[in-house]
N, C-alpha and C. Protein backbone atom coordinates (compact mmCIF):
# COMPACT_ATOMS: atom_id res chain seq x y z
N MET A 1 -62.74 55.92 78.99
CA MET A 1 -62.92 54.63 78.36
C MET A 1 -61.68 53.75 78.55
N LYS A 2 -60.48 54.36 78.38
CA LYS A 2 -59.25 53.60 78.55
C LYS A 2 -59.10 53.14 79.99
N LYS A 3 -59.54 53.98 80.93
CA LYS A 3 -59.44 53.60 82.34
C LYS A 3 -60.34 52.42 82.65
N ILE A 4 -61.52 52.39 82.08
CA ILE A 4 -62.46 51.30 82.33
C ILE A 4 -61.91 50.00 81.76
N LEU A 5 -61.34 50.03 80.55
CA LEU A 5 -60.74 48.83 79.97
C LEU A 5 -59.55 48.35 80.78
N PHE A 6 -58.74 49.29 81.25
CA PHE A 6 -57.57 48.94 82.05
C PHE A 6 -57.98 48.31 83.38
N ILE A 7 -58.95 48.89 84.06
CA ILE A 7 -59.43 48.35 85.34
C ILE A 7 -60.08 47.00 85.13
N SER A 8 -60.87 46.84 84.09
CA SER A 8 -61.50 45.53 83.85
C SER A 8 -60.45 44.48 83.50
N ALA A 9 -59.41 44.85 82.79
CA ALA A 9 -58.33 43.90 82.47
C ALA A 9 -57.61 43.47 83.74
N LEU A 10 -57.38 44.41 84.65
CA LEU A 10 -56.75 44.07 85.93
C LEU A 10 -57.62 43.15 86.75
N LEU A 11 -58.92 43.43 86.80
CA LEU A 11 -59.84 42.59 87.57
C LEU A 11 -59.91 41.18 87.00
N ILE A 12 -59.94 41.08 85.69
CA ILE A 12 -59.99 39.75 85.06
C ILE A 12 -58.69 38.99 85.33
N THR A 13 -57.55 39.69 85.23
CA THR A 13 -56.25 39.05 85.44
C THR A 13 -56.07 38.59 86.87
N PHE A 14 -56.31 39.46 87.82
CA PHE A 14 -56.05 39.12 89.22
C PHE A 14 -57.24 38.48 89.91
N GLY A 15 -58.39 38.49 89.28
CA GLY A 15 -59.58 37.90 89.88
C GLY A 15 -59.65 36.40 89.72
N THR A 16 -58.94 35.85 88.77
CA THR A 16 -58.97 34.41 88.54
C THR A 16 -57.83 33.74 89.30
N ASP A 17 -57.99 32.47 89.58
CA ASP A 17 -56.93 31.70 90.24
C ASP A 17 -55.80 31.44 89.26
N ILE A 18 -54.60 31.39 89.79
CA ILE A 18 -53.43 31.07 88.96
C ILE A 18 -53.35 29.55 88.88
N VAL A 19 -53.25 29.01 87.71
CA VAL A 19 -53.21 27.57 87.53
C VAL A 19 -51.81 27.14 87.11
N ALA A 20 -51.46 25.92 87.48
CA ALA A 20 -50.16 25.38 87.10
C ALA A 20 -50.16 25.08 85.60
N GLN A 21 -48.99 25.16 85.04
CA GLN A 21 -48.87 24.91 83.62
C GLN A 21 -48.13 23.59 83.40
N VAL A 22 -48.56 22.87 82.42
CA VAL A 22 -47.90 21.63 82.04
C VAL A 22 -47.37 21.82 80.63
N GLY A 23 -46.12 21.42 80.42
CA GLY A 23 -45.55 21.61 79.09
C GLY A 23 -44.35 20.73 78.87
N ARG A 24 -43.71 20.92 77.77
CA ARG A 24 -42.52 20.15 77.43
C ARG A 24 -41.35 21.11 77.30
N VAL A 25 -40.19 20.58 77.69
CA VAL A 25 -38.95 21.35 77.58
C VAL A 25 -37.97 20.52 76.78
N ARG A 26 -37.38 21.12 75.80
CA ARG A 26 -36.35 20.44 75.01
C ARG A 26 -35.00 20.93 75.49
N VAL A 27 -34.08 19.99 75.70
CA VAL A 27 -32.74 20.33 76.13
C VAL A 27 -31.79 20.01 75.00
N PHE A 28 -31.08 21.01 74.55
CA PHE A 28 -30.08 20.82 73.52
C PHE A 28 -28.72 20.98 74.17
N LYS A 29 -27.92 19.91 74.13
CA LYS A 29 -26.62 19.91 74.80
C LYS A 29 -25.56 20.47 73.88
N ASP A 30 -24.84 21.43 74.41
CA ASP A 30 -23.73 22.04 73.67
C ASP A 30 -22.55 21.05 73.66
N PRO A 31 -21.86 20.88 72.55
CA PRO A 31 -20.72 19.96 72.50
C PRO A 31 -19.59 20.34 73.46
N LYS A 32 -19.56 21.59 73.88
CA LYS A 32 -18.53 22.02 74.83
C LYS A 32 -18.70 21.38 76.20
N ILE A 33 -19.92 20.93 76.50
CA ILE A 33 -20.16 20.24 77.78
C ILE A 33 -19.34 18.96 77.84
N ASP A 34 -19.25 18.23 76.74
CA ASP A 34 -18.42 17.02 76.70
C ASP A 34 -16.96 17.34 76.96
N ILE A 35 -16.50 18.47 76.45
CA ILE A 35 -15.10 18.87 76.67
C ILE A 35 -14.87 19.14 78.15
N VAL A 36 -15.82 19.82 78.80
CA VAL A 36 -15.69 20.11 80.23
C VAL A 36 -15.72 18.82 81.05
N ILE A 37 -16.57 17.90 80.70
CA ILE A 37 -16.65 16.62 81.42
C ILE A 37 -15.35 15.84 81.25
N ASP A 38 -14.80 15.81 80.05
CA ASP A 38 -13.52 15.12 79.83
C ASP A 38 -12.40 15.77 80.63
N LYS A 39 -12.40 17.08 80.71
CA LYS A 39 -11.39 17.80 81.50
C LYS A 39 -11.51 17.44 82.97
N GLN A 40 -12.74 17.36 83.48
CA GLN A 40 -12.96 16.99 84.88
C GLN A 40 -12.48 15.56 85.14
N LYS A 41 -12.72 14.65 84.20
CA LYS A 41 -12.22 13.28 84.34
C LYS A 41 -10.71 13.26 84.41
N GLU A 42 -10.07 14.08 83.57
CA GLU A 42 -8.62 14.16 83.55
C GLU A 42 -8.08 14.68 84.89
N ILE A 43 -8.74 15.67 85.44
CA ILE A 43 -8.32 16.22 86.74
C ILE A 43 -8.48 15.18 87.83
N CYS A 44 -9.58 14.43 87.80
CA CYS A 44 -9.83 13.42 88.82
C CYS A 44 -8.85 12.26 88.75
N SER A 45 -8.39 11.94 87.55
CA SER A 45 -7.48 10.80 87.41
C SER A 45 -6.01 11.20 87.53
N ALA A 46 -5.74 12.48 87.70
CA ALA A 46 -4.35 12.95 87.82
C ALA A 46 -3.76 12.49 89.15
N ASP A 47 -2.46 12.67 89.29
CA ASP A 47 -1.76 12.30 90.51
C ASP A 47 -2.20 13.24 91.63
N ASN A 48 -3.08 12.76 92.48
CA ASN A 48 -3.62 13.58 93.55
C ASN A 48 -2.93 13.23 94.87
N THR A 49 -1.75 13.77 95.07
CA THR A 49 -1.05 13.56 96.34
C THR A 49 -0.79 14.90 96.99
N ILE A 50 -0.76 14.86 98.32
CA ILE A 50 -0.44 16.06 99.09
C ILE A 50 0.51 15.66 100.21
N ASP A 51 1.09 16.64 100.86
CA ASP A 51 1.94 16.36 102.01
C ASP A 51 1.07 15.89 103.17
N GLY A 52 1.51 14.83 103.81
CA GLY A 52 0.76 14.28 104.93
C GLY A 52 1.66 13.39 105.76
N PHE A 53 1.06 12.41 106.44
CA PHE A 53 1.80 11.53 107.34
C PHE A 53 1.34 10.09 107.17
N ARG A 54 2.29 9.19 107.40
CA ARG A 54 2.04 7.76 107.42
C ARG A 54 2.79 7.16 108.59
N VAL A 55 2.43 5.92 108.93
CA VAL A 55 3.15 5.19 109.98
C VAL A 55 4.02 4.16 109.29
N GLN A 56 5.32 4.24 109.54
CA GLN A 56 6.25 3.27 108.96
C GLN A 56 6.36 2.10 109.92
N ILE A 57 6.06 0.88 109.42
CA ILE A 57 6.07 -0.30 110.29
C ILE A 57 7.22 -1.26 109.98
N PHE A 58 7.90 -1.03 108.86
CA PHE A 58 8.98 -1.95 108.48
C PHE A 58 10.01 -1.20 107.65
N MET A 59 11.30 -1.55 107.89
CA MET A 59 12.38 -1.02 107.06
C MET A 59 13.52 -2.03 107.09
N SER A 60 14.01 -2.38 105.90
CA SER A 60 15.11 -3.34 105.81
C SER A 60 15.84 -3.16 104.49
N SER A 61 17.08 -3.63 104.46
CA SER A 61 17.84 -3.64 103.22
C SER A 61 18.43 -5.03 103.04
N GLY A 62 18.89 -5.31 101.87
CA GLY A 62 19.48 -6.61 101.60
C GLY A 62 18.69 -7.36 100.55
N ASN A 63 19.16 -8.58 100.27
CA ASN A 63 18.54 -9.38 99.21
C ASN A 63 17.15 -9.88 99.58
N GLU A 64 16.92 -10.15 100.85
CA GLU A 64 15.62 -10.67 101.28
C GLU A 64 14.62 -9.57 101.63
N ALA A 65 15.04 -8.32 101.61
CA ALA A 65 14.19 -7.21 102.03
C ALA A 65 12.88 -7.10 101.23
N PRO A 66 12.89 -7.26 99.90
CA PRO A 66 11.61 -7.16 99.17
C PRO A 66 10.61 -8.24 99.59
N ASP A 67 11.10 -9.46 99.79
CA ASP A 67 10.20 -10.54 100.21
C ASP A 67 9.66 -10.30 101.62
N GLU A 68 10.54 -9.84 102.52
CA GLU A 68 10.11 -9.54 103.89
C GLU A 68 9.08 -8.41 103.90
N ALA A 69 9.31 -7.37 103.08
CA ALA A 69 8.39 -6.24 103.03
C ALA A 69 7.03 -6.67 102.49
N ASN A 70 7.03 -7.51 101.47
CA ASN A 70 5.75 -8.00 100.93
C ASN A 70 5.01 -8.85 101.95
N GLU A 71 5.72 -9.64 102.72
CA GLU A 71 5.09 -10.46 103.76
C GLU A 71 4.49 -9.57 104.85
N VAL A 72 5.22 -8.54 105.26
CA VAL A 72 4.70 -7.61 106.27
C VAL A 72 3.44 -6.91 105.74
N MET A 73 3.47 -6.50 104.48
CA MET A 73 2.28 -5.86 103.89
C MET A 73 1.09 -6.81 103.86
N LYS A 74 1.34 -8.07 103.52
CA LYS A 74 0.27 -9.06 103.44
C LYS A 74 -0.37 -9.28 104.81
N VAL A 75 0.47 -9.46 105.84
CA VAL A 75 -0.04 -9.69 107.19
C VAL A 75 -0.80 -8.45 107.68
N PHE A 76 -0.24 -7.26 107.44
CA PHE A 76 -0.90 -6.04 107.87
C PHE A 76 -2.25 -5.87 107.19
N SER A 77 -2.30 -6.11 105.89
CA SER A 77 -3.55 -5.95 105.14
C SER A 77 -4.62 -6.92 105.60
N GLU A 78 -4.23 -8.11 106.06
CA GLU A 78 -5.20 -9.06 106.59
C GLU A 78 -5.76 -8.60 107.93
N GLU A 79 -4.91 -8.00 108.76
CA GLU A 79 -5.35 -7.53 110.08
C GLU A 79 -6.11 -6.21 110.01
N PHE A 80 -5.69 -5.32 109.12
CA PHE A 80 -6.30 -3.99 108.99
C PHE A 80 -6.68 -3.75 107.52
N PRO A 81 -7.77 -4.35 107.07
CA PRO A 81 -8.11 -4.25 105.64
C PRO A 81 -8.52 -2.84 105.20
N LEU A 82 -8.92 -1.99 106.12
CA LEU A 82 -9.36 -0.65 105.74
C LEU A 82 -8.23 0.38 105.70
N VAL A 83 -7.04 0.00 106.17
CA VAL A 83 -5.90 0.92 106.19
C VAL A 83 -5.00 0.56 105.02
N PRO A 84 -4.77 1.50 104.10
CA PRO A 84 -3.92 1.18 102.95
C PRO A 84 -2.45 1.04 103.35
N ALA A 85 -1.76 0.10 102.70
CA ALA A 85 -0.33 -0.15 102.96
C ALA A 85 0.44 0.10 101.67
N TYR A 86 1.63 0.70 101.82
CA TYR A 86 2.44 1.06 100.66
C TYR A 86 3.86 0.54 100.83
N LEU A 87 4.42 -0.01 99.75
CA LEU A 87 5.81 -0.43 99.72
C LEU A 87 6.60 0.69 99.08
N VAL A 88 7.56 1.24 99.84
CA VAL A 88 8.35 2.38 99.39
C VAL A 88 9.80 1.93 99.31
N PHE A 89 10.45 2.19 98.18
CA PHE A 89 11.85 1.88 98.04
C PHE A 89 12.64 3.16 97.95
N GLY A 90 13.58 3.32 98.87
CA GLY A 90 14.53 4.42 98.83
C GLY A 90 15.89 3.80 99.10
N GLN A 91 16.72 3.81 98.12
CA GLN A 91 17.96 3.05 98.14
C GLN A 91 18.74 3.26 99.43
N PRO A 92 19.16 2.27 100.11
CA PRO A 92 19.07 0.83 99.87
C PRO A 92 17.93 0.16 100.63
N TYR A 93 16.99 0.94 101.16
CA TYR A 93 15.98 0.38 102.06
C TYR A 93 14.63 0.16 101.40
N TYR A 94 13.97 -0.93 101.83
CA TYR A 94 12.57 -1.18 101.51
C TYR A 94 11.78 -0.84 102.77
N ARG A 95 10.74 -0.03 102.58
CA ARG A 95 9.94 0.41 103.72
C ARG A 95 8.48 0.06 103.48
N VAL A 96 7.77 -0.26 104.55
CA VAL A 96 6.33 -0.44 104.48
C VAL A 96 5.72 0.67 105.33
N ARG A 97 4.92 1.50 104.66
CA ARG A 97 4.24 2.60 105.34
C ARG A 97 2.75 2.42 105.17
N VAL A 98 2.02 2.77 106.21
CA VAL A 98 0.57 2.54 106.21
C VAL A 98 -0.18 3.82 106.53
N GLY A 99 -1.40 3.92 105.96
CA GLY A 99 -2.29 5.04 106.25
C GLY A 99 -2.07 6.22 105.33
N ASP A 100 -3.07 7.09 105.30
CA ASP A 100 -3.02 8.36 104.59
C ASP A 100 -3.63 9.40 105.52
N PHE A 101 -2.78 10.11 106.24
CA PHE A 101 -3.26 11.05 107.24
C PHE A 101 -2.82 12.46 106.90
N ARG A 102 -3.72 13.42 107.07
CA ARG A 102 -3.40 14.81 106.77
C ARG A 102 -2.64 15.47 107.92
N THR A 103 -2.86 15.00 109.14
CA THR A 103 -2.19 15.60 110.29
C THR A 103 -1.41 14.55 111.06
N ARG A 104 -0.42 14.99 111.78
CA ARG A 104 0.39 14.09 112.59
C ARG A 104 -0.46 13.46 113.70
N ILE A 105 -1.39 14.20 114.24
CA ILE A 105 -2.24 13.68 115.33
C ILE A 105 -3.03 12.47 114.86
N GLU A 106 -3.58 12.52 113.64
CA GLU A 106 -4.32 11.37 113.11
C GLU A 106 -3.41 10.16 112.97
N ALA A 107 -2.18 10.39 112.51
CA ALA A 107 -1.23 9.29 112.34
C ALA A 107 -0.82 8.73 113.70
N GLU A 108 -0.70 9.58 114.70
CA GLU A 108 -0.32 9.12 116.04
C GLU A 108 -1.37 8.19 116.63
N LYS A 109 -2.64 8.39 116.30
CA LYS A 109 -3.69 7.49 116.78
C LYS A 109 -3.45 6.07 116.29
N LEU A 110 -3.14 5.94 115.00
CA LEU A 110 -2.84 4.61 114.45
C LEU A 110 -1.55 4.06 115.05
N HIS A 111 -0.56 4.92 115.24
CA HIS A 111 0.72 4.50 115.81
C HIS A 111 0.52 3.88 117.20
N LEU A 112 -0.37 4.46 118.00
CA LEU A 112 -0.64 3.90 119.33
C LEU A 112 -1.22 2.49 119.24
N ILE A 113 -2.03 2.25 118.23
CA ILE A 113 -2.62 0.92 118.04
C ILE A 113 -1.57 -0.07 117.56
N LEU A 114 -0.66 0.37 116.70
CA LEU A 114 0.30 -0.54 116.06
C LEU A 114 1.58 -0.77 116.85
N LYS A 115 1.88 0.05 117.83
CA LYS A 115 3.20 -0.03 118.45
C LYS A 115 3.43 -1.32 119.24
N GLU A 116 2.38 -2.01 119.67
CA GLU A 116 2.58 -3.29 120.35
C GLU A 116 3.03 -4.37 119.37
N LYS A 117 2.36 -4.43 118.20
CA LYS A 117 2.70 -5.46 117.21
C LYS A 117 3.96 -5.08 116.43
N TYR A 118 4.15 -3.79 116.18
CA TYR A 118 5.31 -3.30 115.44
C TYR A 118 6.08 -2.32 116.33
N PRO A 119 6.97 -2.82 117.19
CA PRO A 119 7.64 -1.95 118.17
C PRO A 119 8.55 -0.89 117.55
N LYS A 120 9.02 -1.11 116.34
CA LYS A 120 9.89 -0.12 115.69
C LYS A 120 9.11 0.87 114.82
N ALA A 121 7.79 0.83 114.89
CA ALA A 121 6.96 1.72 114.08
C ALA A 121 7.10 3.16 114.56
N PHE A 122 7.00 4.09 113.60
CA PHE A 122 7.03 5.51 113.93
C PHE A 122 6.27 6.28 112.86
N VAL A 123 5.89 7.50 113.21
CA VAL A 123 5.17 8.37 112.29
C VAL A 123 6.19 9.14 111.45
N THR A 124 5.93 9.22 110.15
CA THR A 124 6.83 9.93 109.24
C THR A 124 6.03 10.76 108.24
N ALA A 125 6.64 11.85 107.82
CA ALA A 125 6.02 12.68 106.78
C ALA A 125 6.17 11.98 105.43
N ASP A 126 5.14 12.09 104.60
CA ASP A 126 5.17 11.42 103.30
C ASP A 126 4.13 12.09 102.40
N LYS A 127 4.19 11.79 101.13
CA LYS A 127 3.14 12.21 100.21
C LYS A 127 2.01 11.19 100.35
N ILE A 128 0.79 11.68 100.56
CA ILE A 128 -0.35 10.79 100.76
C ILE A 128 -1.34 10.93 99.63
N GLN A 129 -2.16 9.92 99.48
CA GLN A 129 -3.22 9.93 98.48
C GLN A 129 -4.41 10.71 99.03
N LEU A 130 -4.97 11.56 98.20
CA LEU A 130 -6.18 12.27 98.60
C LEU A 130 -7.35 11.31 98.60
N PRO A 131 -8.28 11.50 99.52
CA PRO A 131 -9.49 10.67 99.46
C PRO A 131 -10.27 11.02 98.20
N GLU A 132 -10.92 10.02 97.62
CA GLU A 132 -11.67 10.27 96.39
C GLU A 132 -12.91 11.08 96.70
N ILE A 133 -13.15 12.06 95.86
CA ILE A 133 -14.33 12.89 96.01
C ILE A 133 -15.48 12.18 95.32
N ASP A 134 -16.65 12.21 95.96
CA ASP A 134 -17.79 11.50 95.40
C ASP A 134 -18.12 11.93 93.99
N SER A 135 -18.00 13.22 93.70
CA SER A 135 -18.37 13.68 92.36
C SER A 135 -17.42 13.12 91.31
N CYS A 136 -16.13 12.98 91.66
CA CYS A 136 -15.19 12.40 90.70
C CYS A 136 -15.38 10.90 90.61
N LYS A 137 -15.60 10.27 91.75
CA LYS A 137 -15.69 8.82 91.82
C LYS A 137 -16.92 8.31 91.08
N LYS A 138 -18.04 9.01 91.22
CA LYS A 138 -19.28 8.52 90.66
C LYS A 138 -19.73 9.30 89.43
N GLN A 139 -18.87 10.11 88.88
CA GLN A 139 -19.25 10.96 87.75
C GLN A 139 -19.72 10.12 86.57
N ASP A 140 -18.97 9.09 86.24
CA ASP A 140 -19.35 8.24 85.11
C ASP A 140 -20.65 7.50 85.40
N GLU A 141 -20.80 7.01 86.64
CA GLU A 141 -22.01 6.28 87.00
C GLU A 141 -23.23 7.18 86.87
N LEU A 142 -23.13 8.41 87.35
CA LEU A 142 -24.26 9.33 87.28
C LEU A 142 -24.62 9.65 85.84
N LEU A 143 -23.62 9.84 85.00
CA LEU A 143 -23.91 10.16 83.61
C LEU A 143 -24.54 8.98 82.90
N ASP A 144 -24.11 7.77 83.24
CA ASP A 144 -24.68 6.59 82.60
C ASP A 144 -26.11 6.34 83.07
N GLU A 145 -26.37 6.58 84.38
CA GLU A 145 -27.70 6.32 84.92
C GLU A 145 -28.72 7.36 84.50
N ASN A 146 -28.31 8.62 84.41
CA ASN A 146 -29.24 9.71 84.12
C ASN A 146 -28.83 10.47 82.88
N PRO A 147 -28.97 9.88 81.70
CA PRO A 147 -28.63 10.63 80.50
C PRO A 147 -29.62 11.77 80.30
N ILE A 148 -29.17 12.80 79.61
CA ILE A 148 -30.03 13.96 79.35
C ILE A 148 -31.09 13.54 78.36
N GLU A 149 -32.35 13.75 78.74
CA GLU A 149 -33.45 13.37 77.87
C GLU A 149 -33.76 14.52 76.93
N GLU A 150 -34.24 14.18 75.77
CA GLU A 150 -34.54 15.20 74.78
C GLU A 150 -35.76 16.03 75.18
N GLU A 151 -36.80 15.38 75.68
CA GLU A 151 -38.00 16.09 76.08
C GLU A 151 -38.36 15.68 77.50
N THR A 152 -38.74 16.65 78.32
CA THR A 152 -39.06 16.40 79.71
C THR A 152 -40.36 17.10 80.05
N GLU A 153 -41.24 16.40 80.73
CA GLU A 153 -42.48 17.00 81.19
C GLU A 153 -42.18 17.79 82.45
N ILE A 154 -42.66 19.01 82.51
CA ILE A 154 -42.45 19.85 83.69
C ILE A 154 -43.80 20.37 84.15
N GLN A 155 -44.02 20.27 85.43
CA GLN A 155 -45.25 20.78 86.00
C GLN A 155 -44.87 21.83 87.04
N GLU A 156 -45.34 23.03 86.84
CA GLU A 156 -44.99 24.11 87.74
C GLU A 156 -45.93 24.11 88.93
N GLN A 157 -45.42 24.57 90.06
CA GLN A 157 -46.25 24.70 91.24
C GLN A 157 -46.93 26.06 91.23
N GLN A 158 -48.04 26.12 91.92
CA GLN A 158 -48.76 27.38 91.99
C GLN A 158 -47.98 28.34 92.88
N PRO A 159 -47.67 29.52 92.38
CA PRO A 159 -46.88 30.46 93.19
C PRO A 159 -47.71 31.02 94.34
N THR A 160 -47.04 31.29 95.42
CA THR A 160 -47.71 31.89 96.57
C THR A 160 -47.73 33.39 96.39
N THR A 161 -48.77 34.02 96.91
CA THR A 161 -48.89 35.46 96.74
C THR A 161 -48.35 36.22 97.93
N GLU A 162 -48.26 35.57 99.10
CA GLU A 162 -47.80 36.26 100.30
C GLU A 162 -46.43 35.74 100.70
N PRO A 163 -45.50 36.65 101.03
CA PRO A 163 -44.18 36.19 101.47
C PRO A 163 -44.26 35.61 102.88
N ASP A 164 -43.38 34.64 103.17
CA ASP A 164 -43.33 34.00 104.47
C ASP A 164 -42.39 34.69 105.44
N VAL A 165 -41.78 35.80 105.03
CA VAL A 165 -40.79 36.48 105.84
C VAL A 165 -41.49 37.47 106.76
N THR A 166 -41.19 37.39 108.04
CA THR A 166 -41.70 38.37 108.98
C THR A 166 -40.53 39.04 109.66
N ILE A 167 -40.62 40.34 109.81
CA ILE A 167 -39.54 41.10 110.44
C ILE A 167 -40.05 41.59 111.78
N PRO A 168 -39.39 41.21 112.88
CA PRO A 168 -39.82 41.70 114.17
C PRO A 168 -39.59 43.20 114.27
N SER A 169 -40.64 43.94 114.53
CA SER A 169 -40.54 45.38 114.53
C SER A 169 -39.77 45.91 115.73
N ASP A 170 -39.76 45.19 116.84
CA ASP A 170 -39.08 45.68 118.03
C ASP A 170 -37.56 45.68 117.87
N ILE A 171 -37.02 44.86 116.98
CA ILE A 171 -35.59 44.80 116.78
C ILE A 171 -35.12 45.92 115.85
N TYR A 172 -35.83 46.13 114.76
CA TYR A 172 -35.37 47.04 113.74
C TYR A 172 -35.86 48.48 113.93
N TYR A 173 -36.89 48.65 114.70
CA TYR A 173 -37.45 49.99 114.82
C TYR A 173 -37.41 50.53 116.24
N GLU A 174 -36.41 50.12 117.01
CA GLU A 174 -36.30 50.65 118.37
C GLU A 174 -35.91 52.11 118.31
N GLU A 175 -36.41 52.86 119.28
CA GLU A 175 -36.07 54.28 119.34
C GLU A 175 -35.20 54.57 120.53
């Protein structure tokens, strides 16, 4: 009798089609998530510099050096708006350095372009700014656009019964 009930239960269970389920899911946010997000913001806004290379296009000392350096930066920024320019002061010199390159080869490419206009330009090692990571840059935007909803409708897909994986027998079972 138990066998008949067991077999009939199996037939009823596996004999019918599996249907997708529709339901609601509630998401309860732990307050510790806010702490983790704040920590990530702090990391992203920290001083993110690494050793790298820049091209120095100007160096001067004296009373007029700051004005000359600012003028060189202005002209350079108008000609090359996508390349960042930095004013560096190391006593007694004012320097204008451009670019943020991780390798000397990358900096040399820019140097080849600039050496006609700036004949005294050269590549130098410097601390460079890291490029902004998309997740840090857009973290606030994503959180503002997609707040966590309290209830979400979820519709499950019908599971497949057969695996899609095939194993070639000639490779694994050679004698």
